[in-house]
All heavy atoms as atom14 arrays in JSON, in Angstrom:
{
  "sequence": "RDNAKNLVYLQMNSLKPEDTAVYYCKTERFGISYWGQGTQV",
  "atom14_mask": [
    [1, 1, 1, 1, 1, 1, 1, 1, 1, 1, 1, 0, 0, 0],
    [1, 1, 1, 1, 1, 1, 1, 1, 0, 0, 0, 0, 0, 0],
    [1, 1, 1, 1, 1, 1, 1, 1, 0, 0, 0, 0, 0, 0],
    [1, 1, 1, 1, 1, 0, 0, 0, 0, 0, 0, 0, 0, 0],
    [1, 1, 1, 1, 1, 1, 1, 1, 1, 0, 0, 0, 0, 0],
    [1, 1, 1, 1, 1, 1, 1, 1, 0, 0, 0, 0, 0, 0],
    [1, 1, 1, 1, 1, 1, 1, 1, 0, 0, 0, 0, 0, 0],
    [1, 1, 1, 1, 1, 1, 1, 0, 0, 0, 0, 0, 0, 0],
    [1, 1, 1, 1, 1, 1, 1, 1, 1, 1, 1, 1, 0, 0],
    [1, 1, 1, 1, 1, 1, 1, 1, 0, 0, 0, 0, 0, 0],
    [1, 1, 1, 1, 1, 1, 1, 1, 1, 0, 0, 0, 0, 0],
    [1, 1, 1, 1, 1, 1, 1, 1, 0, 0, 0, 0, 0, 0],
    [1, 1, 1, 1, 1, 1, 1, 1, 0, 0, 0, 0, 0, 0],
    [1, 1, 1, 1, 1, 1, 0, 0, 0, 0, 0, 0, 0, 0],
    [1, 1, 1, 1, 1, 1, 1, 1, 0, 0, 0, 0, 0, 0],
    [1, 1, 1, 1, 1, 1, 1, 1, 1, 0, 0, 0, 0, 0],
    [1, 1, 1, 1, 1, 1, 1, 0, 0, 0, 0, 0, 0, 0],
    [1, 1, 1, 1, 1, 1, 1, 1, 1, 0, 0, 0, 0, 0],
    [1, 1, 1, 1, 1, 1, 1, 1, 0, 0, 0, 0, 0, 0],
    [1, 1, 1, 1, 1, 1, 1, 0, 0, 0, 0, 0, 0, 0],
    [1, 1, 1, 1, 1, 0, 0, 0, 0, 0, 0, 0, 0, 0],
    [1, 1, 1, 1, 1, 1, 1, 0, 0, 0, 0, 0, 0, 0],
    [1, 1, 1, 1, 1, 1, 1, 1, 1, 1, 1, 1, 0, 0],
    [1, 1, 1, 1, 1, 1, 1, 1, 1, 1, 1, 1, 0, 0],
    [1, 1, 1, 1, 1, 1, 0, 0, 0, 0, 0, 0, 0, 0],
    [1, 1, 1, 1, 1, 1, 1, 1, 1, 0, 0, 0, 0, 0],
    [1, 1, 1, 1, 1, 1, 1, 0, 0, 0, 0, 0, 0, 0],
    [1, 1, 1, 1, 1, 1, 1, 1, 1, 0, 0, 0, 0, 0],
    [1, 1, 1, 1, 1, 1, 1, 1, 1, 1, 1, 0, 0, 0],
    [1, 1, 1, 1, 1, 1, 1, 1, 1, 1, 1, 0, 0, 0],
    [1, 1, 1, 1, 0, 0, 0, 0, 0, 0, 0, 0, 0, 0],
    [1, 1, 1, 1, 1, 1, 1, 1, 0, 0, 0, 0, 0, 0],
    [1, 1, 1, 1, 1, 1, 0, 0, 0, 0, 0, 0, 0, 0],
    [1, 1, 1, 1, 1, 1, 1, 1, 1, 1, 1, 1, 0, 0],
    [1, 1, 1, 1, 1, 1, 1, 1, 1, 1, 1, 1, 1, 1],
    [1, 1, 1, 1, 0, 0, 0, 0, 0, 0, 0, 0, 0, 0],
    [1, 1, 1, 1, 1, 1, 1, 1, 1, 0, 0, 0, 0, 0],
    [1, 1, 1, 1, 0, 0, 0, 0, 0, 0, 0, 0, 0, 0],
    [1, 1, 1, 1, 1, 1, 1, 0, 0, 0, 0, 0, 0, 0],
    [1, 1, 1, 1, 1, 1, 1, 1, 1, 0, 0, 0, 0, 0],
    [1, 1, 1, 1, 1, 1, 1, 0, 0, 0, 0, 0, 0, 0]
  ],
  "atom14_positions": [
    [[46.68, 86.63, 72.33], [47.18, 85.53, 73.16], [46.78, 85.8, 74.62], [46.68, 86.93, 75.04], [48.68, 85.32, 73.03], [49.52, 86.53, 73.5], [51.01, 86.34, 73.09], [51.54, 85.17, 73.74], [52.65, 84.55, 73.23], [53.25, 85.02, 72.18], [53.13, 83.5, 73.87], [0.0, 0.0, 0.0], [0.0, 0.0, 0.0], [0.0, 0.0, 0.0]],
    [[46.55, 84.7, 75.38], [46.32, 84.75, 76.77], [47.36, 83.94, 77.44], [47.25, 82.68, 77.47], [44.87, 84.19, 77.03], [44.47, 84.31, 78.5], [45.36, 84.43, 79.37], [43.25, 84.33, 78.73], [0.0, 0.0, 0.0], [0.0, 0.0, 0.0], [0.0, 0.0, 0.0], [0.0, 0.0, 0.0], [0.0, 0.0, 0.0], [0.0, 0.0, 0.0]],
    [[48.35, 84.55, 77.98], [49.48, 83.85, 78.56], [49.1, 83.12, 79.83], [49.7, 82.1, 80.16], [50.66, 84.82, 78.8], [51.31, 85.27, 77.56], [51.22, 84.66, 76.5], [51.99, 86.44, 77.65], [0.0, 0.0, 0.0], [0.0, 0.0, 0.0], [0.0, 0.0, 0.0], [0.0, 0.0, 0.0], [0.0, 0.0, 0.0], [0.0, 0.0, 0.0]],
    [[48.06, 83.57, 80.54], [47.62, 82.89, 81.76], [47.02, 81.57, 81.45], [47.01, 80.61, 82.26], [46.64, 83.79, 82.51], [0.0, 0.0, 0.0], [0.0, 0.0, 0.0], [0.0, 0.0, 0.0], [0.0, 0.0, 0.0], [0.0, 0.0, 0.0], [0.0, 0.0, 0.0], [0.0, 0.0, 0.0], [0.0, 0.0, 0.0], [0.0, 0.0, 0.0]],
    [[46.42, 81.45, 80.21], [45.73, 80.21, 79.85], [46.47, 79.42, 78.8], [46.0, 78.36, 78.35], [44.32, 80.53, 79.32], [43.43, 81.17, 80.38], [42.04, 81.44, 79.8], [41.1, 82.0, 80.84], [39.76, 82.33, 80.27], [0.0, 0.0, 0.0], [0.0, 0.0, 0.0], [0.0, 0.0, 0.0], [0.0, 0.0, 0.0], [0.0, 0.0, 0.0]],
    [[47.65, 79.91, 78.38], [48.44, 79.22, 77.31], [47.59, 79.04, 76.04], [47.6, 77.98, 75.41], [48.93, 77.88, 77.81], [50.1, 77.95, 78.74], [50.38, 79.03, 79.24], [50.74, 76.88, 79.02], [0.0, 0.0, 0.0], [0.0, 0.0, 0.0], [0.0, 0.0, 0.0], [0.0, 0.0, 0.0], [0.0, 0.0, 0.0], [0.0, 0.0, 0.0]],
    [[46.92, 80.11, 75.66], [46.05, 80.08, 74.45], [46.45, 81.24, 73.51], [46.75, 82.32, 73.95], [44.59, 80.22, 74.88], [43.88, 79.1, 75.59], [42.57, 79.47, 76.13], [43.75, 77.88, 74.62], [0.0, 0.0, 0.0], [0.0, 0.0, 0.0], [0.0, 0.0, 0.0], [0.0, 0.0, 0.0], [0.0, 0.0, 0.0], [0.0, 0.0, 0.0]],
    [[46.34, 80.89, 72.22], [46.43, 81.9, 71.21], [45.16, 81.81, 70.37], [44.65, 80.7, 70.08], [47.71, 81.74, 70.38], [47.8, 80.41, 69.72], [47.9, 82.9, 69.36], [0.0, 0.0, 0.0], [0.0, 0.0, 0.0], [0.0, 0.0, 0.0], [0.0, 0.0, 0.0], [0.0, 0.0, 0.0], [0.0, 0.0, 0.0], [0.0, 0.0, 0.0]],
    [[44.69, 82.93, 69.97], [43.43, 83.03, 69.2], [43.63, 83.64, 67.83], [44.52, 84.44, 67.59], [42.39, 83.85, 70.0], [42.13, 83.38, 71.39], [42.66, 84.07, 72.45], [41.26, 82.31, 71.61], [42.37, 83.61, 73.78], [40.97, 81.93, 72.9], [41.55, 82.56, 73.98], [41.27, 82.18, 75.27], [0.0, 0.0, 0.0], [0.0, 0.0, 0.0]],
    [[42.73, 83.3, 66.95], [42.63, 84.0, 65.68], [41.13, 84.3, 65.44], [40.35, 83.44, 65.16], [43.18, 83.14, 64.55], [43.26, 83.91, 63.19], [44.28, 85.04, 63.28], [43.62, 82.91, 62.07], [0.0, 0.0, 0.0], [0.0, 0.0, 0.0], [0.0, 0.0, 0.0], [0.0, 0.0, 0.0], [0.0, 0.0, 0.0], [0.0, 0.0, 0.0]],
    [[40.84, 85.56, 65.6], [39.46, 86.05, 65.35], [39.38, 86.42, 63.86], [40.15, 87.26, 63.41], [39.12, 87.29, 66.2], [37.77, 87.89, 65.96], [36.61, 86.95, 66.34], [36.68, 86.34, 67.39], [35.62, 86.87, 65.48], [0.0, 0.0, 0.0], [0.0, 0.0, 0.0], [0.0, 0.0, 0.0], [0.0, 0.0, 0.0], [0.0, 0.0, 0.0]],
    [[38.49, 85.76, 63.16], [38.34, 85.97, 61.75], [36.99, 86.51, 61.42], [35.98, 85.89, 61.72], [38.56, 84.6, 61.0], [39.91, 83.94, 61.35], [40.2, 82.46, 60.39], [38.8, 81.44, 60.91], [0.0, 0.0, 0.0], [0.0, 0.0, 0.0], [0.0, 0.0, 0.0], [0.0, 0.0, 0.0], [0.0, 0.0, 0.0], [0.0, 0.0, 0.0]],
    [[36.95, 87.75, 60.86], [35.72, 88.43, 60.51], [35.66, 88.63, 58.98], [36.73, 88.51, 58.33], [35.61, 89.78, 61.22], [35.62, 89.63, 62.72], [35.11, 88.67, 63.25], [36.21, 90.62, 63.41], [0.0, 0.0, 0.0], [0.0, 0.0, 0.0], [0.0, 0.0, 0.0], [0.0, 0.0, 0.0], [0.0, 0.0, 0.0], [0.0, 0.0, 0.0]],
    [[34.53, 88.96, 58.51], [34.33, 89.18, 57.13], [34.9, 88.1, 56.2], [35.65, 88.39, 55.25], [34.86, 90.56, 56.69], [34.29, 91.56, 57.47], [0.0, 0.0, 0.0], [0.0, 0.0, 0.0], [0.0, 0.0, 0.0], [0.0, 0.0, 0.0], [0.0, 0.0, 0.0], [0.0, 0.0, 0.0], [0.0, 0.0, 0.0], [0.0, 0.0, 0.0]],
    [[34.69, 86.86, 56.58], [35.29, 85.76, 55.96], [34.85, 85.65, 54.47], [33.7, 85.97, 54.11], [34.98, 84.44, 56.65], [35.78, 84.26, 57.93], [35.13, 83.22, 58.82], [37.23, 83.81, 57.57], [0.0, 0.0, 0.0], [0.0, 0.0, 0.0], [0.0, 0.0, 0.0], [0.0, 0.0, 0.0], [0.0, 0.0, 0.0], [0.0, 0.0, 0.0]],
    [[35.86, 85.23, 53.61], [35.63, 85.09, 52.17], [35.87, 83.64, 51.74], [36.61, 82.89, 52.49], [36.68, 86.0, 51.47], [36.57, 87.48, 51.86], [37.7, 88.27, 51.14], [37.65, 89.7, 51.52], [38.75, 90.48, 50.86], [0.0, 0.0, 0.0], [0.0, 0.0, 0.0], [0.0, 0.0, 0.0], [0.0, 0.0, 0.0], [0.0, 0.0, 0.0]],
    [[35.32, 83.22, 50.66], [35.54, 81.88, 50.22], [37.05, 81.56, 50.09], [37.49, 80.38, 50.34], [34.83, 81.8, 48.85], [33.74, 82.79, 48.98], [34.33, 83.9, 49.83], [0.0, 0.0, 0.0], [0.0, 0.0, 0.0], [0.0, 0.0, 0.0], [0.0, 0.0, 0.0], [0.0, 0.0, 0.0], [0.0, 0.0, 0.0], [0.0, 0.0, 0.0]],
    [[37.84, 82.51, 49.72], [39.27, 82.28, 49.6], [40.0, 82.1, 50.9], [41.21, 81.75, 50.98], [39.97, 83.4, 48.76], [39.65, 84.79, 49.29], [38.56, 85.43, 48.53], [37.5, 84.79, 48.21], [38.64, 86.65, 48.15], [0.0, 0.0, 0.0], [0.0, 0.0, 0.0], [0.0, 0.0, 0.0], [0.0, 0.0, 0.0], [0.0, 0.0, 0.0]],
    [[39.3, 82.28, 52.02], [39.86, 81.96, 53.36], [39.73, 80.52, 53.69], [40.28, 80.01, 54.7], [39.19, 82.76, 54.42], [39.45, 84.3, 54.25], [40.61, 84.65, 54.02], [38.46, 85.06, 54.44], [0.0, 0.0, 0.0], [0.0, 0.0, 0.0], [0.0, 0.0, 0.0], [0.0, 0.0, 0.0], [0.0, 0.0, 0.0], [0.0, 0.0, 0.0]],
    [[39.03, 79.76, 52.82], [38.86, 78.34, 53.07], [40.18, 77.61, 53.1], [41.0, 77.72, 52.12], [37.98, 77.69, 52.0], [36.63, 78.23, 52.13], [37.9, 76.19, 52.12], [0.0, 0.0, 0.0], [0.0, 0.0, 0.0], [0.0, 0.0, 0.0], [0.0, 0.0, 0.0], [0.0, 0.0, 0.0], [0.0, 0.0, 0.0], [0.0, 0.0, 0.0]],
    [[40.5, 76.9, 54.15], [41.8, 76.24, 54.3], [41.82, 75.46, 55.62], [40.96, 75.62, 56.41], [42.94, 77.27, 54.32], [0.0, 0.0, 0.0], [0.0, 0.0, 0.0], [0.0, 0.0, 0.0], [0.0, 0.0, 0.0], [0.0, 0.0, 0.0], [0.0, 0.0, 0.0], [0.0, 0.0, 0.0], [0.0, 0.0, 0.0], [0.0, 0.0, 0.0]],
    [[42.86, 74.69, 55.82], [43.08, 74.13, 57.11], [44.06, 75.08, 57.84], [45.06, 75.52, 57.26], [43.8, 72.74, 57.06], [44.14, 72.23, 58.38], [42.92, 71.76, 56.26], [0.0, 0.0, 0.0], [0.0, 0.0, 0.0], [0.0, 0.0, 0.0], [0.0, 0.0, 0.0], [0.0, 0.0, 0.0], [0.0, 0.0, 0.0], [0.0, 0.0, 0.0]],
    [[43.67, 75.49, 58.99], [44.44, 76.46, 59.79], [45.25, 75.78, 60.85], [44.75, 74.92, 61.56], [43.52, 77.5, 60.39], [42.99, 78.49, 59.39], [42.1, 78.1, 58.41], [43.47, 79.82, 59.39], [41.65, 79.03, 57.49], [43.0, 80.74, 58.45], [42.09, 80.32, 57.49], [41.67, 81.25, 56.52], [0.0, 0.0, 0.0], [0.0, 0.0, 0.0]],
    [[46.55, 76.1, 60.89], [47.49, 75.46, 61.84], [48.1, 76.5, 62.76], [48.38, 77.65, 62.34], [48.62, 74.8, 61.06], [48.26, 73.73, 60.12], [47.93, 74.03, 58.79], [48.17, 72.4, 60.56], [47.58, 72.98, 57.91], [47.77, 71.36, 59.66], [47.5, 71.69, 58.38], [47.15, 70.69, 57.49], [0.0, 0.0, 0.0], [0.0, 0.0, 0.0]],
    [[48.31, 76.06, 63.94], [49.05, 76.85, 64.97], [50.5, 76.32, 64.97], [50.74, 75.18, 64.82], [48.36, 76.63, 66.33], [49.11, 77.42, 67.73], [0.0, 0.0, 0.0], [0.0, 0.0, 0.0], [0.0, 0.0, 0.0], [0.0, 0.0, 0.0], [0.0, 0.0, 0.0], [0.0, 0.0, 0.0], [0.0, 0.0, 0.0], [0.0, 0.0, 0.0]],
    [[51.41, 77.33, 65.2], [52.81, 76.92, 65.14], [53.59, 77.76, 66.19], [53.33, 78.92, 66.43], [53.43, 77.18, 63.8], [54.94, 76.84, 63.69], [55.55, 77.61, 62.53], [57.06, 77.52, 62.58], [57.71, 78.38, 61.57], [0.0, 0.0, 0.0], [0.0, 0.0, 0.0], [0.0, 0.0, 0.0], [0.0, 0.0, 0.0], [0.0, 0.0, 0.0]],
    [[54.61, 77.05, 66.78], [55.56, 77.77, 67.55], [56.98, 77.18, 67.31], [57.06, 76.13, 66.66], [55.27, 77.75, 69.08], [56.07, 78.67, 69.77], [55.45, 76.33, 69.63], [0.0, 0.0, 0.0], [0.0, 0.0, 0.0], [0.0, 0.0, 0.0], [0.0, 0.0, 0.0], [0.0, 0.0, 0.0], [0.0, 0.0, 0.0], [0.0, 0.0, 0.0]],
    [[57.98, 77.83, 67.76], [59.31, 77.37, 67.5], [60.15, 77.48, 68.78], [60.11, 78.55, 69.45], [59.99, 78.17, 66.4], [61.37, 77.65, 65.97], [61.88, 78.36, 64.77], [61.16, 78.46, 63.77], [63.06, 78.82, 64.82], [0.0, 0.0, 0.0], [0.0, 0.0, 0.0], [0.0, 0.0, 0.0], [0.0, 0.0, 0.0], [0.0, 0.0, 0.0]],
    [[60.82, 76.44, 69.14], [61.63, 76.44, 70.34], [62.99, 75.76, 70.07], [63.01, 74.66, 69.51], [60.93, 75.7, 71.45], [61.64, 75.75, 72.79], [60.85, 75.03, 73.91], [61.03, 73.54, 73.73], [60.79, 72.68, 74.72], [60.43, 73.11, 75.88], [60.9, 71.38, 74.52], [0.0, 0.0, 0.0], [0.0, 0.0, 0.0], [0.0, 0.0, 0.0]],
    [[64.05, 76.5, 70.36], [65.39, 75.98, 70.12], [65.57, 75.56, 68.7], [66.22, 74.52, 68.44], [65.75, 74.86, 71.11], [65.56, 75.13, 72.49], [64.88, 74.25, 73.4], [66.02, 76.34, 73.05], [64.75, 74.58, 74.71], [65.86, 76.67, 74.38], [65.22, 75.78, 75.22], [0.0, 0.0, 0.0], [0.0, 0.0, 0.0], [0.0, 0.0, 0.0]],
    [[64.97, 76.31, 67.77], [65.18, 75.98, 66.36], [64.29, 74.87, 65.8], [64.36, 74.55, 64.65], [0.0, 0.0, 0.0], [0.0, 0.0, 0.0], [0.0, 0.0, 0.0], [0.0, 0.0, 0.0], [0.0, 0.0, 0.0], [0.0, 0.0, 0.0], [0.0, 0.0, 0.0], [0.0, 0.0, 0.0], [0.0, 0.0, 0.0], [0.0, 0.0, 0.0]],
    [[63.44, 74.35, 66.67], [62.52, 73.27, 66.18], [61.13, 73.81, 66.14], [60.65, 74.46, 67.09], [62.62, 72.08, 67.2], [64.03, 71.5, 67.23], [61.61, 70.99, 66.78], [64.18, 70.44, 68.33], [0.0, 0.0, 0.0], [0.0, 0.0, 0.0], [0.0, 0.0, 0.0], [0.0, 0.0, 0.0], [0.0, 0.0, 0.0], [0.0, 0.0, 0.0]],
    [[60.48, 73.54, 65.01], [59.08, 74.01, 64.82], [58.17, 72.92, 65.31], [58.32, 71.75, 65.07], [58.82, 74.3, 63.33], [59.6, 75.35, 62.88], [0.0, 0.0, 0.0], [0.0, 0.0, 0.0], [0.0, 0.0, 0.0], [0.0, 0.0, 0.0], [0.0, 0.0, 0.0], [0.0, 0.0, 0.0], [0.0, 0.0, 0.0], [0.0, 0.0, 0.0]],
    [[57.11, 73.41, 65.96], [56.04, 72.58, 66.43], [54.7, 73.0, 65.87], [54.44, 74.22, 65.9], [55.96, 72.6, 67.98], [57.2, 72.07, 68.62], [58.25, 72.88, 68.97], [57.31, 70.69, 68.97], [59.4, 72.43, 69.57], [58.48, 70.25, 69.54], [59.49, 71.05, 69.85], [60.62, 70.61, 70.41], [0.0, 0.0, 0.0], [0.0, 0.0, 0.0]],
    [[53.91, 72.06, 65.38], [52.65, 72.37, 64.68], [51.54, 71.61, 65.35], [51.69, 70.49, 65.86], [52.76, 71.88, 63.25], [53.74, 72.56, 62.4], [55.11, 72.24, 62.28], [53.54, 73.74, 61.56], [55.73, 73.12, 61.41], [54.74, 74.03, 60.97], [52.44, 74.48, 61.26], [54.89, 75.1, 60.06], [52.55, 75.53, 60.32], [53.8, 75.78, 59.74]],
    [[50.4, 72.22, 65.29], [49.15, 71.51, 65.73], [48.66, 70.64, 64.57], [49.22, 70.6, 63.47], [0.0, 0.0, 0.0], [0.0, 0.0, 0.0], [0.0, 0.0, 0.0], [0.0, 0.0, 0.0], [0.0, 0.0, 0.0], [0.0, 0.0, 0.0], [0.0, 0.0, 0.0], [0.0, 0.0, 0.0], [0.0, 0.0, 0.0], [0.0, 0.0, 0.0]],
    [[47.53, 69.96, 64.79], [47.0, 69.03, 63.79], [46.15, 69.75, 62.77], [45.85, 69.19, 61.73], [46.18, 67.94, 64.49], [44.74, 68.33, 64.85], [44.61, 69.34, 65.97], [45.62, 69.69, 66.68], [43.42, 69.84, 66.2], [0.0, 0.0, 0.0], [0.0, 0.0, 0.0], [0.0, 0.0, 0.0], [0.0, 0.0, 0.0], [0.0, 0.0, 0.0]],
    [[45.78, 70.97, 63.04], [45.03, 71.79, 62.13], [43.54, 71.71, 62.36], [43.03, 70.74, 62.94], [0.0, 0.0, 0.0], [0.0, 0.0, 0.0], [0.0, 0.0, 0.0], [0.0, 0.0, 0.0], [0.0, 0.0, 0.0], [0.0, 0.0, 0.0], [0.0, 0.0, 0.0], [0.0, 0.0, 0.0], [0.0, 0.0, 0.0], [0.0, 0.0, 0.0]],
    [[42.82, 72.8, 61.96], [41.39, 72.83, 62.01], [40.85, 73.41, 60.73], [41.35, 74.36, 60.19], [40.96, 73.65, 63.23], [39.48, 73.59, 63.35], [41.34, 75.08, 63.15], [0.0, 0.0, 0.0], [0.0, 0.0, 0.0], [0.0, 0.0, 0.0], [0.0, 0.0, 0.0], [0.0, 0.0, 0.0], [0.0, 0.0, 0.0], [0.0, 0.0, 0.0]],
    [[39.85, 72.73, 60.18], [39.3, 73.08, 58.86], [38.39, 74.31, 58.95], [37.42, 74.31, 59.84], [38.55, 71.89, 58.27], [37.89, 72.23, 56.93], [38.82, 72.42, 55.77], [39.79, 71.62, 55.6], [38.68, 73.46, 55.01], [0.0, 0.0, 0.0], [0.0, 0.0, 0.0], [0.0, 0.0, 0.0], [0.0, 0.0, 0.0], [0.0, 0.0, 0.0]],
    [[38.54, 75.24, 58.13], [37.69, 76.44, 57.98], [37.15, 76.41, 56.48], [38.0, 76.43, 55.63], [38.41, 77.75, 58.26], [37.51, 78.95, 57.9], [38.83, 77.79, 59.74], [0.0, 0.0, 0.0], [0.0, 0.0, 0.0], [0.0, 0.0, 0.0], [0.0, 0.0, 0.0], [0.0, 0.0, 0.0], [0.0, 0.0, 0.0], [0.0, 0.0, 0.0]]
  ]
}
C-alpha cells in the first residue's frame, strides 16, 4: 500500500491458469464493507 497516494497494489508473479478470476478490492469501515467493481485477470 501507498498511503500517500491512497493506493493498494497486488503484484502477481508466476501466474497460473487457476489464478483466472475477477479480482476485487475491499475495505471495511464502521462495520460496512465496500467493494470495487473488479478487474478481470
